[in-house]
Amino acid sequence: MLGVKSLVSMNKLLPTIIFDEIDIGISGDIADKVGKILQKLAESRQVIVITHLPQIASKGVQHYFVYKNY
């Protein structure tokens, strides 16, 4: 999905791209590479990412902590 959205967003002038749970099934070095791809995308558009991995979250400029209160 990252590859598809990246290519589509470069051909269409999409101002914002949202990735929900982009980190499912990856970790370590691959997660770091995904984070770098997202960081590169964010240079030209707004990127919103929901993630649980520090390798991806560390590339962000702004962070929001979202939680449920029961």
N, C-alpha and C. Protein backbone atom coordinates (compact mmCIF):
# COMPACT_ATOMS: atom_id res chain seq x y z
N MET A 1 0.83 -1.19 0.00
CA MET A 1 0.00 0.00 0.00
C MET A 1 0.87 1.26 0.00
N LEU A 2 1.99 1.18 0.69
CA LEU A 2 2.90 2.33 0.72
C LEU A 2 3.38 2.67 -0.69
N GLY A 3 3.76 1.65 -1.43
CA GLY A 3 4.23 1.86 -2.80
C GLY A 3 3.15 2.43 -3.70
N VAL A 4 1.97 1.88 -3.61
CA VAL A 4 0.86 2.34 -4.45
C VAL A 4 0.50 3.79 -4.14
N LYS A 5 0.32 4.09 -2.86
CA LYS A 5 -0.05 5.47 -2.48
C LYS A 5 1.07 6.45 -2.82
N SER A 6 2.31 6.02 -2.69
CA SER A 6 3.43 6.89 -3.02
C SER A 6 3.42 7.26 -4.49
N LEU A 7 3.23 6.27 -5.35
CA LEU A 7 3.22 6.52 -6.79
C LEU A 7 2.01 7.36 -7.21
N VAL A 8 0.85 7.05 -6.67
CA VAL A 8 -0.36 7.79 -7.01
C VAL A 8 -0.24 9.24 -6.56
N SER A 9 0.28 9.45 -5.36
CA SER A 9 0.38 10.82 -4.84
C SER A 9 1.35 11.67 -5.62
N MET A 10 2.33 11.05 -6.27
CA MET A 10 3.28 11.83 -7.06
C MET A 10 2.67 12.25 -8.40
N ASN A 11 1.74 11.46 -8.92
CA ASN A 11 1.09 11.79 -10.18
C ASN A 11 -0.15 12.65 -10.00
N LYS A 12 -0.78 12.54 -8.87
CA LYS A 12 -1.93 13.38 -8.52
C LYS A 12 -1.48 14.29 -7.39
N LEU A 13 -1.84 15.51 -7.44
CA LEU A 13 -1.40 16.45 -6.42
C LEU A 13 -2.26 16.32 -5.17
N LEU A 14 -2.06 15.24 -4.44
CA LEU A 14 -2.79 15.00 -3.21
C LEU A 14 -2.11 15.75 -2.07
N PRO A 15 -2.84 16.62 -1.38
CA PRO A 15 -2.21 17.39 -0.31
C PRO A 15 -1.95 16.59 0.96
N THR A 16 -2.72 15.51 1.18
CA THR A 16 -2.59 14.72 2.40
C THR A 16 -2.71 13.24 2.08
N ILE A 17 -1.85 12.45 2.70
CA ILE A 17 -1.91 10.99 2.57
C ILE A 17 -2.01 10.43 3.99
N ILE A 18 -2.91 9.48 4.18
CA ILE A 18 -3.10 8.87 5.50
C ILE A 18 -2.79 7.38 5.42
N PHE A 19 -1.94 6.92 6.33
CA PHE A 19 -1.60 5.50 6.44
C PHE A 19 -2.03 5.02 7.82
N ASP A 20 -2.91 4.05 7.85
CA ASP A 20 -3.41 3.49 9.12
C ASP A 20 -2.75 2.13 9.33
N GLU A 21 -2.07 1.97 10.46
CA GLU A 21 -1.40 0.71 10.81
C GLU A 21 -0.44 0.26 9.71
N ILE A 22 0.40 1.18 9.28
CA ILE A 22 1.37 0.91 8.22
C ILE A 22 2.43 -0.11 8.64
N ASP A 23 2.54 -0.36 9.94
CA ASP A 23 3.63 -1.19 10.47
C ASP A 23 3.26 -2.66 10.70
N ILE A 24 2.11 -3.10 10.26
CA ILE A 24 1.71 -4.49 10.49
C ILE A 24 2.63 -5.43 9.73
N GLY A 25 3.24 -6.35 10.45
CA GLY A 25 4.07 -7.39 9.84
C GLY A 25 5.49 -6.99 9.53
N ILE A 26 5.92 -5.82 9.95
CA ILE A 26 7.31 -5.42 9.71
C ILE A 26 7.98 -5.04 11.02
N SER A 27 9.28 -5.02 11.02
CA SER A 27 10.05 -4.59 12.20
C SER A 27 11.48 -4.33 11.78
N GLY A 28 12.27 -3.85 12.71
CA GLY A 28 13.70 -3.67 12.51
C GLY A 28 14.07 -2.79 11.35
N ASP A 29 14.98 -3.30 10.50
CA ASP A 29 15.54 -2.54 9.39
C ASP A 29 14.46 -2.17 8.36
N ILE A 30 13.53 -3.06 8.13
CA ILE A 30 12.45 -2.76 7.17
C ILE A 30 11.60 -1.61 7.68
N ALA A 31 11.29 -1.61 8.96
CA ALA A 31 10.51 -0.51 9.54
C ALA A 31 11.25 0.81 9.39
N ASP A 32 12.56 0.80 9.56
CA ASP A 32 13.36 2.00 9.40
C ASP A 32 13.29 2.49 7.95
N LYS A 33 13.34 1.58 7.00
CA LYS A 33 13.26 1.95 5.59
C LYS A 33 11.89 2.52 5.25
N VAL A 34 10.83 1.93 5.80
CA VAL A 34 9.48 2.47 5.60
C VAL A 34 9.40 3.88 6.18
N GLY A 35 9.97 4.08 7.35
CA GLY A 35 9.99 5.40 7.97
C GLY A 35 10.69 6.43 7.10
N LYS A 36 11.78 6.04 6.47
CA LYS A 36 12.51 6.96 5.58
C LYS A 36 11.70 7.28 4.33
N ILE A 37 10.97 6.31 3.81
CA ILE A 37 10.11 6.56 2.65
C ILE A 37 9.00 7.54 3.03
N LEU A 38 8.40 7.34 4.19
CA LEU A 38 7.35 8.25 4.65
C LEU A 38 7.90 9.65 4.89
N GLN A 39 9.11 9.72 5.44
CA GLN A 39 9.75 11.01 5.68
C GLN A 39 9.99 11.73 4.36
N LYS A 40 10.40 11.02 3.33
CA LYS A 40 10.63 11.61 2.01
C LYS A 40 9.30 12.12 1.41
N LEU A 41 8.24 11.33 1.57
CA LEU A 41 6.93 11.76 1.10
C LEU A 41 6.48 13.04 1.79
N ALA A 42 6.79 13.17 3.07
CA ALA A 42 6.35 14.32 3.87
C ALA A 42 7.06 15.61 3.48
N GLU A 43 8.08 15.53 2.67
CA GLU A 43 8.77 16.75 2.22
C GLU A 43 7.89 17.56 1.26
N SER A 44 6.96 16.88 0.57
CA SER A 44 6.16 17.58 -0.43
C SER A 44 4.66 17.57 -0.16
N ARG A 45 4.24 16.88 0.90
CA ARG A 45 2.82 16.82 1.24
C ARG A 45 2.65 16.44 2.70
N GLN A 46 1.45 16.58 3.22
CA GLN A 46 1.18 16.21 4.59
C GLN A 46 0.95 14.69 4.64
N VAL A 47 1.65 14.03 5.57
CA VAL A 47 1.52 12.59 5.74
C VAL A 47 1.08 12.32 7.18
N ILE A 48 -0.02 11.60 7.32
CA ILE A 48 -0.51 11.21 8.64
C ILE A 48 -0.36 9.70 8.74
N VAL A 49 0.33 9.24 9.80
CA VAL A 49 0.63 7.82 9.95
C VAL A 49 0.21 7.35 11.34
N ILE A 50 -0.50 6.25 11.39
CA ILE A 50 -0.81 5.59 12.65
C ILE A 50 0.14 4.41 12.76
N THR A 51 1.01 4.42 13.77
CA THR A 51 2.03 3.39 13.90
C THR A 51 2.28 3.07 15.37
N HIS A 52 2.87 1.91 15.60
CA HIS A 52 3.28 1.49 16.93
C HIS A 52 4.79 1.32 17.01
N LEU A 53 5.48 1.53 15.90
CA LEU A 53 6.92 1.29 15.86
C LEU A 53 7.73 2.57 16.03
N PRO A 54 8.73 2.54 16.90
CA PRO A 54 9.57 3.72 17.10
C PRO A 54 10.39 4.07 15.86
N GLN A 55 10.72 3.08 15.04
CA GLN A 55 11.51 3.35 13.83
C GLN A 55 10.75 4.25 12.87
N ILE A 56 9.44 4.13 12.86
CA ILE A 56 8.62 4.96 11.99
C ILE A 56 8.26 6.27 12.69
N ALA A 57 7.82 6.17 13.94
CA ALA A 57 7.39 7.36 14.68
C ALA A 57 8.53 8.37 14.85
N SER A 58 9.75 7.90 14.96
CA SER A 58 10.89 8.80 15.18
C SER A 58 11.15 9.73 14.00
N LYS A 59 10.62 9.40 12.84
CA LYS A 59 10.82 10.24 11.66
C LYS A 59 9.81 11.39 11.59
N GLY A 60 8.80 11.37 12.46
CA GLY A 60 7.76 12.39 12.43
C GLY A 60 8.19 13.70 13.05
N VAL A 61 7.52 14.76 12.63
CA VAL A 61 7.78 16.10 13.16
C VAL A 61 6.83 16.40 14.31
N GLN A 62 5.57 16.01 14.16
CA GLN A 62 4.57 16.22 15.21
C GLN A 62 4.00 14.86 15.60
N HIS A 63 3.73 14.70 16.88
CA HIS A 63 3.18 13.44 17.37
C HIS A 63 1.94 13.72 18.21
N TYR A 64 0.97 12.83 18.10
CA TYR A 64 -0.25 12.89 18.90
C TYR A 64 -0.42 11.55 19.58
N PHE A 65 -0.71 11.58 20.86
CA PHE A 65 -0.96 10.37 21.63
C PHE A 65 -2.48 10.21 21.72
N VAL A 66 -2.98 9.12 21.16
CA VAL A 66 -4.42 8.87 21.13
C VAL A 66 -4.68 7.64 21.98
N TYR A 67 -5.68 7.72 22.86
CA TYR A 67 -5.99 6.59 23.72
C TYR A 67 -7.48 6.53 24.00
N LYS A 68 -7.92 5.38 24.47
CA LYS A 68 -9.32 5.19 24.85
C LYS A 68 -9.42 5.28 26.36
N ASN A 69 -10.45 5.94 26.82
CA ASN A 69 -10.71 6.03 28.25
C ASN A 69 -12.04 5.32 28.52
N TYR A 70 -11.98 4.23 29.26
CA TYR A 70 -13.20 3.44 29.51
C TYR A 70 -13.90 3.89 30.75
